[in-house]
Amino acid sequence: MTQSPRISPTTAALVEQSERRSAHNYHPLPVVIHQAEGAWVTDVEGRRYLDCLAGYSSLNFGHGNPVILAAARAQLDRLTLTSRAFVHDRFADFCAALGDLTGKDMILPMNTGAEAVETAIKVARKWGYEVKGVPDGMATIIVAENNFHGRTTTIVGFSTDPDARNGFGPFAPGFRVVKYGSADAIRDAIDDTTVAVLIEPVQGEAGVLVPPDGYLTQVREICAENRVLMIADEIQSGLGRTGDTFACDHEGVVPDMYVLGKALGGGVVPVSAVAADAAVLGVIRPGQHGSTFGGNPLACAVGIAVVELLSTGEYQTRARELGALLHGRLRGLVGHGLLAVRGRGLWAGIDIDPSLGTGRQVSEALLERGVLVKDTHGSTVRLGPPLVISEEDLMWAVDRLAEALSDLR
């Protein structure tokens, strides 16, 4: 039998005030975080928790990473915003660094992941009309079911999640939804109006769904054969999370466009970007797209520091090695409270046996034991701690999960 986590009067009051004075677009766990360092956070009562969500991959390099904070502090003392009406002295370095990391000629910086996805959609359509020759207003983009690319009205219009979609129409046309993991479904959906295929190399919000081996390679080939852009949404899966710099790297695939965000801001500021070659991003001209804060000096300074951290390969290696330990331990819990384990690198989706409880109840049970995770789609819990987590702490978290599952039985 499950019970709600114990909440102190101070925490209860702060949670109640938050609920009363803010829109209810989230359903947070009843914990109020006050400070953090590395993989650990501390609440207003002084209790510590191991963060195994990492801001949905925004905190790949940990809370308060000293390299990232030093870059941010140095920039704060000099210049934080000019808008793109002028050129600032960190912009070229950021574009060059991220261009080198992705192997692309051009960078279009934005702020949030959803903005970057919207940017990729606009660029793909413009490319389709100006380069491929699709009749104006007829461009179509293929997407996958169970996708999560953000929550703007355009994006939720091609979502298959009722919570994300219902009640927000009418929606923009021009999207075709196909089965995730099926290259044949993509091939069958392509016609002369198709300008792009937009997919997550690993579907995070859907429960850390990894496609079949060879899928990304086939998508790359199909896109090339049909003169269609392959757009990889690596907002959650990229920048070290899966054990490579990008999840596409696991199959040696290079998309036409990378969509990046979350960890690119180092857990300090929102930073996102689209990376592509000039033959693609070059279709955008002055006045056709922009952002007041996109590519601001502070964001660029932080982004440069993030790219430098990734250049050593240390974080990719940690995600790969610790991920192997994590998945090995989690597989041992299948049949003992877990129905399935999926994922890649230091990222896992676990399906809870519904006879024990929901994903929310397991998340609350772990909260009681000092571990922060979050449920998705009812029965699934995601684990994605900062890549700086120690092996000892990671194994401690799995022990707490095993304990919670045992207590629920």
Protein backbone atom coordinates (compact mmCIF):
# COMPACT_ATOMS: atom_id res chain seq x y z
CA MET A 1 0.00 0.00 0.00
CA THR A 2 1.38 3.41 -1.00
CA GLN A 3 1.27 6.63 0.96
CA SER A 4 2.06 10.25 0.18
CA PRO A 5 5.58 11.44 1.04
CA ARG A 6 6.01 13.20 4.36
CA ILE A 7 6.06 16.96 3.93
CA SER A 8 7.15 19.49 6.54
CA PRO A 9 4.96 22.54 7.24
CA THR A 10 7.52 24.84 5.59
CA THR A 11 7.65 22.76 2.42
CA ALA A 12 3.89 22.35 2.37
CA ALA A 13 3.39 26.11 2.63
CA LEU A 14 5.81 26.86 -0.20
CA VAL A 15 4.28 24.17 -2.43
CA GLU A 16 0.78 25.48 -1.71
CA GLN A 17 1.79 29.05 -2.50
CA SER A 18 3.41 27.94 -5.75
CA GLU A 19 0.27 26.09 -6.76
CA ARG A 20 -1.97 28.99 -5.81
CA ARG A 21 -0.02 31.71 -7.62
CA SER A 22 1.15 29.89 -10.75
CA ALA A 23 -0.51 28.17 -13.69
CA HIS A 24 -0.81 24.42 -13.18
CA ASN A 25 1.15 23.39 -16.25
CA TYR A 26 3.38 21.09 -14.17
CA HIS A 27 2.71 18.57 -11.43
CA PRO A 28 5.94 18.75 -9.42
CA LEU A 29 6.92 16.45 -6.61
CA PRO A 30 6.54 18.04 -3.14
CA VAL A 31 10.13 19.13 -2.64
CA VAL A 32 11.44 22.71 -2.57
CA ILE A 33 15.07 22.90 -3.67
CA HIS A 34 17.27 25.62 -2.24
CA GLN A 35 20.80 24.92 -3.48
CA ALA A 36 22.79 22.33 -5.38
CA GLU A 37 26.26 21.10 -6.27
CA GLY A 38 27.32 18.38 -8.68
CA ALA A 39 24.71 15.62 -8.64
CA TRP A 40 23.20 16.61 -5.28
CA VAL A 41 20.56 19.17 -4.31
CA THR A 42 19.48 20.45 -0.90
CA ASP A 43 15.94 21.49 0.03
CA VAL A 44 14.78 24.33 2.26
CA GLU A 45 14.87 21.99 5.26
CA GLY A 46 18.52 21.10 4.66
CA ARG A 47 17.78 17.59 3.39
CA ARG A 48 19.94 16.37 0.51
CA TYR A 49 18.71 14.49 -2.56
CA LEU A 50 20.53 12.80 -5.42
CA ASP A 51 19.31 14.41 -8.64
CA CYS A 52 18.62 11.62 -11.12
CA LEU A 53 16.69 13.79 -13.57
CA ALA A 54 19.26 16.53 -14.26
CA GLY A 55 16.74 19.00 -15.62
CA TYR A 56 15.78 16.59 -18.41
CA SER A 57 19.46 16.57 -19.56
CA SER A 58 19.94 20.32 -19.08
CA LEU A 59 22.38 19.59 -16.25
CA ASN A 60 24.60 17.03 -17.98
CA PHE A 61 27.67 18.70 -16.44
CA GLY A 62 26.19 18.92 -12.97
CA HIS A 63 24.83 21.69 -10.79
CA GLY A 64 27.23 24.59 -10.43
CA ASN A 65 29.91 23.21 -12.75
CA PRO A 66 32.94 25.39 -11.89
CA VAL A 67 34.13 25.75 -15.49
CA ILE A 68 30.72 26.88 -16.70
CA LEU A 69 30.14 29.19 -13.73
CA ALA A 70 33.56 30.80 -14.20
CA ALA A 71 32.75 31.52 -17.85
CA ALA A 72 29.37 32.96 -16.91
CA ARG A 73 30.76 35.14 -14.09
CA ALA A 74 33.50 36.54 -16.30
CA GLN A 75 30.97 37.42 -18.98
CA LEU A 76 28.50 38.92 -16.49
CA ASP A 77 31.10 41.50 -15.54
CA ARG A 78 31.59 42.61 -19.17
CA LEU A 79 28.52 42.26 -21.40
CA THR A 80 25.29 40.26 -21.28
CA LEU A 81 23.10 41.49 -24.14
CA THR A 82 23.36 43.51 -27.33
CA SER A 83 20.64 41.85 -29.44
CA ARG A 84 21.60 40.69 -32.90
CA ALA A 85 21.23 44.27 -34.14
CA PHE A 86 24.97 44.43 -33.45
CA VAL A 87 27.86 41.96 -33.41
CA HIS A 88 29.42 41.12 -30.06
CA ASP A 89 32.83 39.65 -29.41
CA ARG A 90 31.72 36.17 -28.26
CA PHE A 91 29.39 35.38 -31.14
CA ALA A 92 31.92 34.26 -33.75
CA ASP A 93 33.76 32.07 -31.24
CA PHE A 94 30.52 30.35 -30.19
CA CYS A 95 29.44 29.67 -33.76
CA ALA A 96 32.90 28.37 -34.64
CA ALA A 97 33.10 26.12 -31.57
CA LEU A 98 29.63 24.63 -32.07
CA GLY A 99 30.21 24.38 -35.81
CA ASP A 100 33.39 22.39 -35.20
CA LEU A 101 31.63 20.13 -32.69
CA THR A 102 28.81 19.35 -35.12
CA GLY A 103 30.88 19.44 -38.28
CA LYS A 104 28.54 22.04 -39.77
CA ASP A 105 29.22 25.33 -41.58
CA MET A 106 26.61 27.49 -39.90
CA ILE A 107 24.89 27.98 -36.56
CA LEU A 108 21.56 29.71 -35.89
CA PRO A 109 21.35 30.29 -32.13
CA MET A 110 18.07 30.60 -30.22
CA ASN A 111 17.10 30.20 -26.55
CA THR A 112 14.85 27.21 -25.88
CA GLY A 113 14.60 23.80 -27.46
CA ALA A 114 11.12 24.48 -28.79
CA GLU A 115 12.40 27.65 -30.48
CA ALA A 116 15.17 25.64 -32.12
CA VAL A 117 12.67 23.07 -33.41
CA GLU A 118 10.47 25.85 -34.79
CA THR A 119 13.59 27.27 -36.45
CA ALA A 120 14.40 23.91 -38.03
CA ILE A 121 10.85 23.64 -39.39
CA LYS A 122 11.03 27.12 -40.92
CA VAL A 123 14.45 26.44 -42.45
CA ALA A 124 13.34 23.09 -43.88
CA ARG A 125 10.29 24.63 -45.52
CA LYS A 126 12.31 27.54 -46.94
CA TRP A 127 14.90 25.11 -48.28
CA GLY A 128 12.14 23.00 -49.81
CA TYR A 129 10.71 25.95 -51.71
CA GLU A 130 13.96 27.63 -52.76
CA VAL A 131 16.27 24.66 -53.31
CA LYS A 132 14.17 21.55 -53.87
CA GLY A 133 11.45 23.32 -55.79
CA VAL A 134 8.39 22.28 -53.81
CA PRO A 135 5.39 24.46 -54.77
CA ASP A 136 4.83 27.32 -52.34
CA GLY A 137 2.68 26.37 -49.35
CA MET A 138 2.86 22.63 -50.08
CA ALA A 139 5.91 21.52 -48.02
CA THR A 140 5.42 18.50 -45.75
CA ILE A 141 7.58 17.17 -42.94
CA ILE A 142 7.55 13.58 -41.65
CA VAL A 143 7.57 13.10 -37.88
CA ALA A 144 7.32 10.08 -35.58
CA GLU A 145 4.51 9.04 -33.29
CA ASN A 146 5.13 9.54 -29.57
CA ASN A 147 7.42 12.43 -30.45
CA PHE A 148 8.24 15.27 -28.11
CA HIS A 149 9.75 18.37 -29.70
CA GLY A 150 8.27 21.05 -27.45
CA ARG A 151 4.92 22.63 -26.70
CA THR A 152 4.35 25.45 -29.17
CA THR A 153 1.08 25.29 -31.11
CA THR A 154 2.87 24.17 -34.27
CA ILE A 155 4.70 21.38 -32.47
CA VAL A 156 1.78 20.03 -30.44
CA GLY A 157 -0.20 19.95 -33.66
CA PHE A 158 1.80 16.89 -34.74
CA SER A 159 2.02 15.34 -31.26
CA THR A 160 0.25 12.05 -30.57
CA ASP A 161 0.06 12.79 -26.83
CA PRO A 162 -3.54 13.82 -25.99
CA ASP A 163 -2.41 15.90 -23.00
CA ALA A 164 -0.09 17.93 -25.21
CA ARG A 165 -2.49 18.26 -28.13
CA ASN A 166 -6.12 18.30 -27.04
CA GLY A 167 -7.74 21.70 -26.65
CA PHE A 168 -5.07 23.74 -28.43
CA GLY A 169 -6.15 23.64 -32.08
CA PRO A 170 -6.52 24.61 -34.84
CA PHE A 171 -3.11 23.35 -35.89
CA ALA A 172 -0.73 24.09 -38.73
CA PRO A 173 -0.91 21.55 -41.57
CA GLY A 174 2.05 19.99 -43.33
CA PHE A 175 3.09 17.13 -41.03
CA ARG A 176 2.81 13.37 -41.53
CA VAL A 177 3.08 11.13 -38.49
CA VAL A 178 4.59 7.66 -38.94
CA LYS A 179 5.58 4.79 -36.66
CA TYR A 180 8.80 5.41 -34.75
CA GLY A 181 11.57 2.95 -35.53
CA SER A 182 10.19 1.95 -38.94
CA ALA A 183 12.29 3.08 -41.88
CA ASP A 184 9.72 1.57 -44.24
CA ALA A 185 7.05 3.85 -42.78
CA ILE A 186 9.20 6.88 -43.60
CA ARG A 187 9.90 5.62 -47.10
CA ASP A 188 6.20 5.07 -47.75
CA ALA A 189 5.29 8.56 -46.49
CA ILE A 190 7.70 10.46 -48.73
CA ASP A 191 6.42 12.18 -51.86
CA ASP A 192 7.41 15.17 -53.98
CA THR A 193 6.25 17.61 -51.26
CA THR A 194 8.43 16.12 -48.50
CA VAL A 195 11.18 18.48 -47.37
CA ALA A 196 12.36 16.87 -44.12
CA VAL A 197 12.20 14.01 -41.65
CA LEU A 198 12.26 15.27 -38.06
CA ILE A 199 13.06 12.62 -35.45
CA GLU A 200 14.57 12.12 -32.02
CA PRO A 201 17.43 9.58 -32.22
CA VAL A 202 16.17 8.45 -28.78
CA GLN A 203 12.66 9.44 -27.73
CA GLY A 204 13.03 10.86 -24.21
CA GLU A 205 9.57 11.99 -23.13
CA ALA A 206 8.06 8.81 -24.56
CA GLY A 207 10.05 6.80 -22.03
CA VAL A 208 13.64 6.73 -23.39
CA LEU A 209 12.73 4.67 -26.45
CA VAL A 210 15.74 3.52 -28.46
CA PRO A 211 14.98 2.63 -32.10
CA PRO A 212 16.12 -0.67 -33.64
CA ASP A 213 19.77 -0.96 -34.67
CA GLY A 214 20.28 0.42 -38.15
CA TYR A 215 17.21 2.65 -38.07
CA LEU A 216 19.10 5.94 -38.12
CA THR A 217 21.36 4.66 -40.88
CA GLN A 218 18.33 3.74 -42.98
CA VAL A 219 16.69 7.11 -42.35
CA ARG A 220 19.89 8.83 -43.46
CA GLU A 221 19.97 6.77 -46.66
CA ILE A 222 16.28 7.32 -47.43
CA CYS A 223 16.62 11.06 -46.96
CA ALA A 224 19.66 11.23 -49.23
CA GLU A 225 18.00 9.12 -51.92
CA ASN A 226 14.89 11.32 -51.94
CA ARG A 227 16.55 14.73 -51.49
CA VAL A 228 14.93 15.19 -48.10
CA LEU A 229 16.58 16.83 -45.09
CA MET A 230 17.26 14.63 -42.06
CA ILE A 231 16.71 16.70 -38.91
CA ALA A 232 17.92 15.15 -35.64
CA ASP A 233 16.36 16.58 -32.50
CA GLU A 234 19.26 16.02 -30.09
CA ILE A 235 17.96 18.44 -27.47
CA GLN A 236 17.79 15.72 -24.80
CA SER A 237 19.92 12.98 -26.36
CA GLY A 238 22.86 15.11 -27.45
CA LEU A 239 25.96 16.57 -25.79
CA GLY A 240 27.17 13.43 -24.05
CA ARG A 241 24.01 11.94 -22.56
CA THR A 242 24.04 8.64 -24.49
CA GLY A 243 27.77 7.97 -24.31
CA ASP A 244 28.68 9.79 -27.53
CA THR A 245 28.61 13.47 -28.32
CA PHE A 246 25.40 12.91 -30.26
CA ALA A 247 23.05 9.93 -30.23
CA CYS A 248 23.38 9.80 -34.02
CA ASP A 249 27.08 9.00 -33.51
CA HIS A 250 26.19 5.50 -32.34
CA GLU A 251 25.47 4.62 -35.98
CA GLY A 252 27.97 7.03 -37.53
CA VAL A 253 25.10 9.08 -38.93
CA VAL A 254 25.41 12.80 -39.66
CA PRO A 255 22.04 14.52 -40.16
CA ASP A 256 21.53 17.57 -42.34
CA MET A 257 20.45 19.54 -39.27
CA TYR A 258 21.15 19.13 -35.58
CA VAL A 259 18.66 20.69 -33.19
CA LEU A 260 20.37 21.35 -29.85
CA GLY A 261 19.40 22.84 -26.50
CA LYS A 262 19.17 21.95 -22.80
CA ALA A 263 22.76 20.96 -21.88
CA LEU A 264 24.10 23.58 -24.30
CA GLY A 265 23.23 26.16 -21.63
CA GLY A 266 25.16 24.29 -18.95
CA GLY A 267 22.27 24.55 -16.49
CA VAL A 268 22.91 28.30 -16.27
CA VAL A 269 21.00 30.01 -19.10
CA PRO A 270 18.70 28.80 -21.89
CA VAL A 271 20.78 28.20 -25.02
CA SER A 272 19.64 26.38 -28.15
CA ALA A 273 20.76 26.25 -31.74
CA VAL A 274 20.27 24.73 -35.16
CA ALA A 275 23.46 23.55 -36.84
CA ALA A 276 23.58 22.86 -40.59
CA ASP A 277 25.68 23.49 -43.65
CA ALA A 278 25.45 26.73 -45.63
CA ALA A 279 23.50 24.98 -48.39
CA VAL A 280 20.66 24.58 -45.86
CA LEU A 281 20.90 27.43 -43.32
CA GLY A 282 21.96 29.83 -46.04
CA VAL A 283 18.34 30.11 -47.22
CA ILE A 284 17.55 32.34 -44.21
CA ARG A 285 18.08 36.03 -44.91
CA PRO A 286 17.82 39.18 -42.77
CA GLY A 287 14.37 39.79 -41.37
CA GLN A 288 13.11 36.24 -41.94
CA HIS A 289 13.92 34.85 -38.49
CA GLY A 290 15.36 36.08 -35.23
CA SER A 291 15.37 36.33 -31.46
CA THR A 292 16.15 39.25 -29.15
CA PHE A 293 18.11 37.04 -26.75
CA GLY A 294 19.29 34.34 -29.16
CA GLY A 295 23.08 34.21 -29.31
CA ASN A 296 23.52 36.81 -26.56
CA PRO A 297 27.03 37.28 -25.07
CA LEU A 298 26.27 35.41 -21.84
CA ALA A 299 24.73 32.48 -23.72
CA CYS A 300 27.70 32.35 -26.08
CA ALA A 301 30.21 32.37 -23.22
CA VAL A 302 28.40 29.50 -21.53
CA GLY A 303 28.00 27.62 -24.80
CA ILE A 304 31.72 27.89 -25.55
CA ALA A 305 32.52 26.46 -22.11
CA VAL A 306 30.13 23.55 -22.72
CA VAL A 307 31.77 22.74 -26.07
CA GLU A 308 35.20 22.86 -24.43
CA LEU A 309 34.06 20.41 -21.74
CA LEU A 310 32.87 18.01 -24.43
CA SER A 311 36.08 18.31 -26.44
CA THR A 312 38.02 16.08 -24.03
CA GLY A 313 35.64 13.12 -24.37
CA GLU A 314 35.56 12.73 -20.58
CA TYR A 315 31.84 13.19 -20.21
CA GLN A 316 30.99 10.92 -23.13
CA THR A 317 33.16 8.22 -21.58
CA ARG A 318 31.56 8.64 -18.17
CA ALA A 319 28.08 8.36 -19.67
CA ARG A 320 29.07 5.23 -21.56
CA GLU A 321 30.80 3.47 -18.66
CA LEU A 322 28.41 4.48 -15.89
CA GLY A 323 25.50 3.81 -18.22
CA ALA A 324 26.63 0.23 -18.67
CA LEU A 325 26.68 -0.22 -14.89
CA LEU A 326 23.28 1.44 -14.52
CA HIS A 327 21.57 -0.68 -17.15
CA GLY A 328 23.16 -3.84 -15.81
CA ARG A 329 21.80 -3.17 -12.32
CA LEU A 330 18.38 -2.14 -13.61
CA ARG A 331 18.01 -5.27 -15.72
CA GLY A 332 18.46 -7.24 -12.52
CA LEU A 333 15.25 -5.65 -11.22
CA VAL A 334 13.13 -6.86 -14.14
CA GLY A 335 10.67 -9.31 -12.64
CA HIS A 336 11.18 -7.71 -9.24
CA GLY A 337 9.01 -4.66 -9.69
CA LEU A 338 10.15 -3.63 -13.16
CA LEU A 339 8.61 -4.88 -16.40
CA ALA A 340 11.22 -3.46 -18.78
CA VAL A 341 14.36 -1.32 -18.97
CA ARG A 342 15.35 0.78 -21.98
CA GLY A 343 17.89 3.42 -22.77
CA ARG A 344 21.38 4.31 -23.88
CA GLY A 345 24.31 5.71 -21.96
CA LEU A 346 23.47 7.36 -18.65
CA TRP A 347 19.77 7.51 -19.54
CA ALA A 348 17.13 4.91 -18.77
CA GLY A 349 13.39 4.46 -18.92
CA ILE A 350 11.95 1.86 -16.56
CA ASP A 351 8.42 0.48 -16.72
CA ILE A 352 6.89 -0.12 -13.31
CA ASP A 353 4.80 -3.22 -12.68
CA PRO A 354 1.29 -1.69 -12.42
CA SER A 355 0.39 -4.13 -9.66
CA LEU A 356 2.84 -2.21 -7.44
CA GLY A 357 1.79 1.30 -8.32
CA THR A 358 2.20 4.11 -10.82
CA GLY A 359 5.34 5.88 -11.92
CA ARG A 360 4.27 8.82 -9.77
CA GLN A 361 4.02 6.62 -6.68
CA VAL A 362 7.47 5.17 -7.28
CA SER A 363 8.84 8.70 -7.79
CA GLU A 364 7.32 9.72 -4.45
CA ALA A 365 8.74 6.61 -2.77
CA LEU A 366 12.19 7.53 -4.08
CA LEU A 367 11.73 11.11 -2.92
CA GLU A 368 11.25 9.76 0.60
CA ARG A 369 14.56 7.92 0.18
CA GLY A 370 16.52 10.92 -1.08
CA VAL A 371 16.44 10.29 -4.83
CA LEU A 372 14.81 12.64 -7.35
CA VAL A 373 13.27 11.13 -10.49
CA LYS A 374 10.14 11.88 -12.50
CA ASP A 375 7.45 9.76 -14.07
CA THR A 376 6.09 9.98 -17.60
CA HIS A 377 3.04 8.43 -19.24
CA GLY A 378 1.71 6.80 -16.12
CA SER A 379 3.86 3.75 -15.55
CA THR A 380 7.32 4.86 -16.70
CA VAL A 381 10.08 6.51 -14.66
CA ARG A 382 13.09 8.17 -16.26
CA LEU A 383 16.60 8.10 -14.83
CA GLY A 384 19.11 10.56 -16.22
CA PRO A 385 21.50 11.91 -13.56
CA PRO A 386 24.23 14.47 -14.27
CA LEU A 387 27.20 12.91 -16.03
CA VAL A 388 29.39 13.97 -13.10
CA ILE A 389 27.66 11.51 -10.76
CA SER A 390 30.01 9.09 -9.01
CA GLU A 391 29.71 5.34 -9.43
CA GLU A 392 29.08 5.02 -5.69
CA ASP A 393 26.20 7.51 -5.76
CA LEU A 394 24.71 5.93 -8.87
CA MET A 395 24.68 2.48 -7.30
CA TRP A 396 23.22 3.98 -4.12
CA ALA A 397 20.34 5.36 -6.18
CA VAL A 398 19.64 1.93 -7.71
CA ASP A 399 19.71 0.40 -4.23
CA ARG A 400 17.07 2.92 -3.16
CA LEU A 401 14.97 1.98 -6.20
CA ALA A 402 15.22 -1.71 -5.34
CA GLU A 403 14.25 -0.91 -1.77
CA ALA A 404 11.25 1.16 -2.88
CA LEU A 405 10.03 -1.57 -5.22
CA SER A 406 10.43 -4.18 -2.49
CA ASP A 407 8.46 -2.08 -0.02
CA LEU A 408 5.65 -1.61 -2.55
CA ARG A 409 5.25 -5.34 -3.10
